[in-house]
Amino acid sequence: SLFENEAEKELYQAVQSIRKQFEN
């Protein structure tokens, strides 16, 4: 909710997607 631009949101979503699989 503290994000102020689309770049923050897009990077965040991409990183969360990666994190789910990262350890495996």
PDB file of all heavy atoms in Angstrom:
ATOM      1  N   SER A   1       0.827  -1.220   0.000  1.00  0.00           N
ATOM      2  CA  SER A   1       0.000   0.000   0.000  1.00  0.00           C
ATOM      3  C   SER A   1       0.859   1.266   0.000  1.00  0.00           C
ATOM      4  O   SER A   1       0.358   2.359  -0.285  1.00  0.00           O
ATOM      5  CB  SER A   1      -0.933  -0.001   1.215  1.00  0.00           C
ATOM      6  OG  SER A   1      -0.187   0.131   2.413  1.00  0.00           O
ATOM      7  N   LEU A   2       2.151   1.113   0.342  1.00  0.00           N
ATOM      8  CA  LEU A   2       3.042   2.278   0.369  1.00  0.00           C
ATOM      9  C   LEU A   2       3.733   2.524  -0.968  1.00  0.00           C
ATOM     10  O   LEU A   2       4.498   3.478  -1.112  1.00  0.00           O
ATOM     11  CB  LEU A   2       4.102   2.097   1.471  1.00  0.00           C
ATOM     12  CG  LEU A   2       3.578   2.096   2.912  1.00  0.00           C
ATOM     13  CD1 LEU A   2       4.696   1.762   3.889  1.00  0.00           C
ATOM     14  CD2 LEU A   2       2.957   3.454   3.266  1.00  0.00           C
ATOM     15  N   PHE A   3       3.475   1.662  -1.936  1.00  0.00           N
ATOM     16  CA  PHE A   3       4.078   1.852  -3.255  1.00  0.00           C
ATOM     17  C   PHE A   3       3.494   3.113  -3.903  1.00  0.00           C
ATOM     18  O   PHE A   3       2.297   3.373  -3.825  1.00  0.00           O
ATOM     19  CB  PHE A   3       3.814   0.653  -4.162  1.00  0.00           C
ATOM     20  CG  PHE A   3       4.535  -0.615  -3.723  1.00  0.00           C
ATOM     21  CD1 PHE A   3       4.092  -1.861  -4.157  1.00  0.00           C
ATOM     22  CD2 PHE A   3       5.645  -0.557  -2.895  1.00  0.00           C
ATOM     23  CE1 PHE A   3       4.741  -3.013  -3.772  1.00  0.00           C
ATOM     24  CE2 PHE A   3       6.296  -1.706  -2.489  1.00  0.00           C
ATOM     25  CZ  PHE A   3       5.844  -2.936  -2.922  1.00  0.00           C
ATOM     26  N   GLU A   4       4.345   3.873  -4.603  1.00  0.00           N
ATOM     27  CA  GLU A   4       3.905   5.135  -5.194  1.00  0.00           C
ATOM     28  C   GLU A   4       3.965   5.143  -6.712  1.00  0.00           C
ATOM     29  O   GLU A   4       3.592   6.129  -7.341  1.00  0.00           O
ATOM     30  CB  GLU A   4       4.769   6.280  -4.641  1.00  0.00           C
ATOM     31  CG  GLU A   4       4.594   6.479  -3.132  1.00  0.00           C
ATOM     32  CD  GLU A   4       5.440   7.624  -2.607  1.00  0.00           C
ATOM     33  OE1 GLU A   4       6.367   8.072  -3.339  1.00  0.00           O
ATOM     34  OE2 GLU A   4       5.197   8.078  -1.475  1.00  0.00           O
ATOM     35  N   ASN A   5       4.485   4.032  -7.337  1.00  0.00           N
ATOM     36  CA  ASN A   5       4.520   4.002  -8.798  1.00  0.00           C
ATOM     37  C   ASN A   5       4.403   2.551  -9.282  1.00  0.00           C
ATOM     38  O   ASN A   5       4.522   1.601  -8.502  1.00  0.00           O
ATOM     39  CB  ASN A   5       5.789   4.670  -9.339  1.00  0.00           C
ATOM     40  CG  ASN A   5       7.058   4.007  -8.808  1.00  0.00           C
ATOM     41  OD1 ASN A   5       7.276   2.821  -9.025  1.00  0.00           O
ATOM     42  ND2 ASN A   5       7.888   4.787  -8.117  1.00  0.00           N
ATOM     43  N   GLU A   6       4.189   2.420 -10.573  1.00  0.00           N
ATOM     44  CA  GLU A   6       3.971   1.097 -11.157  1.00  0.00           C
ATOM     45  C   GLU A   6       5.249   0.251 -11.124  1.00  0.00           C
ATOM     46  O   GLU A   6       5.188  -0.975 -11.021  1.00  0.00           O
ATOM     47  CB  GLU A   6       3.494   1.234 -12.609  1.00  0.00           C
ATOM     48  CG  GLU A   6       2.051   1.701 -12.744  1.00  0.00           C
ATOM     49  CD  GLU A   6       1.084   0.744 -12.066  1.00  0.00           C
ATOM     50  OE1 GLU A   6       1.221  -0.486 -12.286  1.00  0.00           O
ATOM     51  OE2 GLU A   6       0.210   1.214 -11.307  1.00  0.00           O
ATOM     52  N   ALA A   7       6.401   0.895 -11.221  1.00  0.00           N
ATOM     53  CA  ALA A   7       7.660   0.149 -11.226  1.00  0.00           C
ATOM     54  C   ALA A   7       7.848  -0.613  -9.920  1.00  0.00           C
ATOM     55  O   ALA A   7       8.310  -1.765  -9.913  1.00  0.00           O
ATOM     56  CB  ALA A   7       8.827   1.102 -11.458  1.00  0.00           C
ATOM     57  N   GLU A   8       7.482   0.020  -8.802  1.00  0.00           N
ATOM     58  CA  GLU A   8       7.571  -0.667  -7.510  1.00  0.00           C
ATOM     59  C   GLU A   8       6.672  -1.894  -7.488  1.00  0.00           C
ATOM     60  O   GLU A   8       7.072  -2.975  -7.026  1.00  0.00           O
ATOM     61  CB  GLU A   8       7.165   0.278  -6.374  1.00  0.00           C
ATOM     62  CG  GLU A   8       8.187   1.339  -6.020  1.00  0.00           C
ATOM     63  CD  GLU A   8       7.748   2.148  -4.809  1.00  0.00           C
ATOM     64  OE1 GLU A   8       6.971   3.102  -4.988  1.00  0.00           O
ATOM     65  OE2 GLU A   8       8.171   1.798  -3.694  1.00  0.00           O
ATOM     66  N   LYS A   9       5.447  -1.714  -7.964  1.00  0.00           N
ATOM     67  CA  LYS A   9       4.481  -2.809  -7.935  1.00  0.00           C
ATOM     68  C   LYS A   9       4.936  -3.968  -8.827  1.00  0.00           C
ATOM     69  O   LYS A   9       4.877  -5.136  -8.422  1.00  0.00           O
ATOM     70  CB  LYS A   9       3.111  -2.305  -8.402  1.00  0.00           C
ATOM     71  CG  LYS A   9       2.484  -1.259  -7.488  1.00  0.00           C
ATOM     72  CD  LYS A   9       1.177  -0.727  -8.085  1.00  0.00           C
ATOM     73  CE  LYS A   9       0.597   0.405  -7.238  1.00  0.00           C
ATOM     74  NZ  LYS A   9      -0.635   0.963  -7.842  1.00  0.00           N
ATOM     75  N   GLU A  10       5.376  -3.641 -10.034  1.00  0.00           N
ATOM     76  CA  GLU A  10       5.771  -4.696 -10.969  1.00  0.00           C
ATOM     77  C   GLU A  10       6.990  -5.477 -10.461  1.00  0.00           C
ATOM     78  O   GLU A  10       7.043  -6.703 -10.567  1.00  0.00           O
ATOM     79  CB  GLU A  10       6.074  -4.086 -12.336  1.00  0.00           C
ATOM     80  CG  GLU A  10       4.832  -3.571 -13.052  1.00  0.00           C
ATOM     81  CD  GLU A  10       5.168  -2.914 -14.380  1.00  0.00           C
ATOM     82  OE1 GLU A  10       6.369  -2.927 -14.757  1.00  0.00           O
ATOM     83  OE2 GLU A  10       4.251  -2.391 -15.034  1.00  0.00           O
ATOM     84  N   LEU A  11       7.967  -4.768  -9.890  1.00  0.00           N
ATOM     85  CA  LEU A  11       9.140  -5.447  -9.357  1.00  0.00           C
ATOM     86  C   LEU A  11       8.755  -6.332  -8.172  1.00  0.00           C
ATOM     87  O   LEU A  11       9.213  -7.467  -8.049  1.00  0.00           O
ATOM     88  CB  LEU A  11      10.205  -4.426  -8.942  1.00  0.00           C
ATOM     89  CG  LEU A  11      11.523  -5.006  -8.409  1.00  0.00           C
ATOM     90  CD1 LEU A  11      12.187  -5.905  -9.447  1.00  0.00           C
ATOM     91  CD2 LEU A  11      12.474  -3.883  -7.991  1.00  0.00           C
ATOM     92  N   TYR A  12       7.893  -5.805  -7.319  1.00  0.00           N
ATOM     93  CA  TYR A  12       7.448  -6.561  -6.148  1.00  0.00           C
ATOM     94  C   TYR A  12       6.762  -7.860  -6.566  1.00  0.00           C
ATOM     95  O   TYR A  12       7.059  -8.938  -6.042  1.00  0.00           O
ATOM     96  CB  TYR A  12       6.498  -5.701  -5.306  1.00  0.00           C
ATOM     97  CG  TYR A  12       5.851  -6.448  -4.162  1.00  0.00           C
ATOM     98  CD1 TYR A  12       6.576  -6.759  -3.013  1.00  0.00           C
ATOM     99  CD2 TYR A  12       4.513  -6.838  -4.227  1.00  0.00           C
ATOM    100  CE1 TYR A  12       5.983  -7.447  -1.964  1.00  0.00           C
ATOM    101  CE2 TYR A  12       3.909  -7.522  -3.181  1.00  0.00           C
ATOM    102  CZ  TYR A  12       4.643  -7.826  -2.062  1.00  0.00           C
ATOM    103  OH  TYR A  12       4.052  -8.513  -1.017  1.00  0.00           O
ATOM    104  N   GLN A  13       5.828  -7.771  -7.502  1.00  0.00           N
ATOM    105  CA  GLN A  13       5.087  -8.954  -7.949  1.00  0.00           C
ATOM    106  C   GLN A  13       6.016  -9.983  -8.579  1.00  0.00           C
ATOM    107  O   GLN A  13       5.877 -11.195  -8.355  1.00  0.00           O
ATOM    108  CB  GLN A  13       4.006  -8.535  -8.946  1.00  0.00           C
ATOM    109  CG  GLN A  13       2.866  -7.739  -8.307  1.00  0.00           C
ATOM    110  CD  GLN A  13       1.952  -7.077  -9.324  1.00  0.00           C
ATOM    111  OE1 GLN A  13       2.183  -7.178 -10.536  1.00  0.00           O
ATOM    112  NE2 GLN A  13       0.914  -6.390  -8.844  1.00  0.00           N
ATOM    113  N   ALA A  14       6.984  -9.520  -9.373  1.00  0.00           N
ATOM    114  CA  ALA A  14       7.930 -10.442 -10.016  1.00  0.00           C
ATOM    115  C   ALA A  14       8.795 -11.152  -8.974  1.00  0.00           C
ATOM    116  O   ALA A  14       9.035 -12.365  -9.059  1.00  0.00           O
ATOM    117  CB  ALA A  14       8.815  -9.683 -10.997  1.00  0.00           C
ATOM    118  N   VAL A  15       9.232 -10.398  -7.954  1.00  0.00           N
ATOM    119  CA  VAL A  15      10.084 -10.986  -6.913  1.00  0.00           C
ATOM    120  C   VAL A  15       9.300 -11.999  -6.085  1.00  0.00           C
ATOM    121  O   VAL A  15       9.800 -13.083  -5.752  1.00  0.00           O
ATOM    122  CB  VAL A  15      10.687  -9.883  -6.016  1.00  0.00           C
ATOM    123  CG1 VAL A  15      11.358 -10.491  -4.786  1.00  0.00           C
ATOM    124  CG2 VAL A  15      11.676  -9.036  -6.803  1.00  0.00           C
ATOM    125  N   GLN A  16       8.049 -11.687  -5.750  1.00  0.00           N
ATOM    126  CA  GLN A  16       7.245 -12.630  -4.961  1.00  0.00           C
ATOM    127  C   GLN A  16       7.030 -13.930  -5.716  1.00  0.00           C
ATOM    128  O   GLN A  16       7.025 -15.022  -5.138  1.00  0.00           O
ATOM    129  CB  GLN A  16       5.892 -11.999  -4.589  1.00  0.00           C
ATOM    130  CG  GLN A  16       5.984 -10.744  -3.736  1.00  0.00           C
ATOM    131  CD  GLN A  16       6.991 -10.884  -2.592  1.00  0.00           C
ATOM    132  OE1 GLN A  16       6.890 -11.799  -1.772  1.00  0.00           O
ATOM    133  NE2 GLN A  16       7.958  -9.975  -2.552  1.00  0.00           N
ATOM    134  N   SER A  17       6.869 -13.812  -7.028  1.00  0.00           N
ATOM    135  CA  SER A  17       6.687 -15.007  -7.851  1.00  0.00           C
ATOM    136  C   SER A  17       7.938 -15.883  -7.822  1.00  0.00           C
ATOM    137  O   SER A  17       7.857 -17.115  -7.726  1.00  0.00           O
ATOM    138  CB  SER A  17       6.360 -14.598  -9.288  1.00  0.00           C
ATOM    139  OG  SER A  17       6.277 -15.731 -10.123  1.00  0.00           O
ATOM    140  N   ILE A  18       9.095 -15.243  -7.873  1.00  0.00           N
ATOM    141  CA  ILE A  18      10.362 -15.987  -7.846  1.00  0.00           C
ATOM    142  C   ILE A  18      10.592 -16.626  -6.479  1.00  0.00           C
ATOM    143  O   ILE A  18      11.037 -17.774  -6.374  1.00  0.00           O
ATOM    144  CB  ILE A  18      11.536 -15.046  -8.194  1.00  0.00           C
ATOM    145  CG1 ILE A  18      11.454 -14.606  -9.650  1.00  0.00           C
ATOM    146  CG2 ILE A  18      12.874 -15.708  -7.916  1.00  0.00           C
ATOM    147  CD1 ILE A  18      12.483 -13.561 -10.029  1.00  0.00           C
ATOM    148  N   ARG A  19      10.276 -15.885  -5.418  1.00  0.00           N
ATOM    149  CA  ARG A  19      10.559 -16.356  -4.057  1.00  0.00           C
ATOM    150  C   ARG A  19       9.884 -17.684  -3.754  1.00  0.00           C
ATOM    151  O   ARG A  19      10.409 -18.512  -2.999  1.00  0.00           O
ATOM    152  CB  ARG A  19      10.107 -15.318  -3.031  1.00  0.00           C
ATOM    153  CG  ARG A  19      11.002 -14.094  -2.936  1.00  0.00           C
ATOM    154  CD  ARG A  19      10.574 -13.213  -1.787  1.00  0.00           C
ATOM    155  NE  ARG A  19      10.892 -13.805  -0.494  1.00  0.00           N
ATOM    156  CZ  ARG A  19      10.197 -13.603   0.628  1.00  0.00           C
ATOM    157  NH1 ARG A  19       9.109 -12.850   0.603  1.00  0.00           N
ATOM    158  NH2 ARG A  19      10.571 -14.163   1.760  1.00  0.00           N
ATOM    159  N   LYS A  20       8.716 -17.920  -4.313  1.00  0.00           N
ATOM    160  CA  LYS A  20       7.974 -19.148  -4.024  1.00  0.00           C
ATOM    161  C   LYS A  20       8.747 -20.388  -4.476  1.00  0.00           C
ATOM    162  O   LYS A  20       8.575 -21.466  -3.909  1.00  0.00           O
ATOM    163  CB  LYS A  20       6.610 -19.104  -4.721  1.00  0.00           C
ATOM    164  CG  LYS A  20       5.679 -18.027  -4.173  1.00  0.00           C
ATOM    165  CD  LYS A  20       4.384 -17.964  -4.988  1.00  0.00           C
ATOM    166  CE  LYS A  20       3.467 -16.842  -4.490  1.00  0.00           C
ATOM    167  NZ  LYS A  20       2.238 -16.735  -5.323  1.00  0.00           N
ATOM    168  N   GLN A  21       9.592 -20.232  -5.494  1.00  0.00           N
ATOM    169  CA  GLN A  21      10.293 -21.391  -6.039  1.00  0.00           C
ATOM    170  C   GLN A  21      11.793 -21.377  -5.717  1.00  0.00           C
ATOM    171  O   GLN A  21      12.489 -22.352  -5.959  1.00  0.00           O
ATOM    172  CB  GLN A  21      10.153 -21.402  -7.567  1.00  0.00           C
ATOM    173  CG  GLN A  21       8.773 -21.035  -8.088  1.00  0.00           C
ATOM    174  CD  GLN A  21       8.830 -20.689  -9.563  1.00  0.00           C
ATOM    175  OE1 GLN A  21       9.256 -21.505 -10.358  1.00  0.00           O
ATOM    176  NE2 GLN A  21       8.430 -19.479  -9.921  1.00  0.00           N
ATOM    177  N   PHE A  22      12.277 -20.283  -5.171  1.00  0.00           N
ATOM    178  CA  PHE A  22      13.717 -20.037  -5.097  1.00  0.00           C
ATOM    179  C   PHE A  22      14.482 -21.148  -4.381  1.00  0.00           C
ATOM    180  O   PHE A  22      15.531 -21.587  -4.840  1.00  0.00           O
ATOM    181  CB  PHE A  22      13.976 -18.695  -4.399  1.00  0.00           C
ATOM    182  CG  PHE A  22      15.220 -18.000  -4.891  1.00  0.00           C
ATOM    183  CD1 PHE A  22      15.246 -17.386  -6.134  1.00  0.00           C
ATOM    184  CD2 PHE A  22      16.372 -17.978  -4.126  1.00  0.00           C
ATOM    185  CE1 PHE A  22      16.389 -16.752  -6.598  1.00  0.00           C
ATOM    186  CE2 PHE A  22      17.515 -17.348  -4.581  1.00  0.00           C
ATOM    187  CZ  PHE A  22      17.527 -16.736  -5.819  1.00  0.00           C
ATOM    188  N   GLU A  23      13.972 -21.611  -3.251  1.00  0.00           N
ATOM    189  CA  GLU A  23      14.716 -22.596  -2.458  1.00  0.00           C
ATOM    190  C   GLU A  23      14.697 -23.983  -3.074  1.00  0.00           C
ATOM    191  O   GLU A  23      15.476 -24.848  -2.681  1.00  0.00           O
ATOM    192  CB  GLU A  23      14.166 -22.645  -1.034  1.00  0.00           C
ATOM    193  CG  GLU A  23      14.448 -21.382  -0.235  1.00  0.00           C
ATOM    194  CD  GLU A  23      14.027 -21.508   1.217  1.00  0.00           C
ATOM    195  OE1 GLU A  23      13.562 -22.619   1.592  1.00  0.00           O
ATOM    196  OE2 GLU A  23      14.156 -20.532   1.960  1.00  0.00           O
ATOM    197  N   ASN A  24      13.808 -24.227  -4.011  1.00  0.00           N
ATOM    198  CA  ASN A  24      13.664 -25.564  -4.596  1.00  0.00           C
ATOM    199  C   ASN A  24      14.242 -25.662  -5.999  1.00  0.00           C
ATOM    200  O   ASN A  24      14.043 -26.658  -6.685  1.00  0.00           O
ATOM    201  CB  ASN A  24      12.181 -25.965  -4.624  1.00  0.00           C
ATOM    202  CG  ASN A  24      11.574 -25.992  -3.232  1.00  0.00           C
ATOM    203  OD1 ASN A  24      12.192 -26.494  -2.302  1.00  0.00           O
ATOM    204  ND2 ASN A  24      10.389 -25.433  -3.093  1.00  0.00           N
TER     205      ASN A  24
END
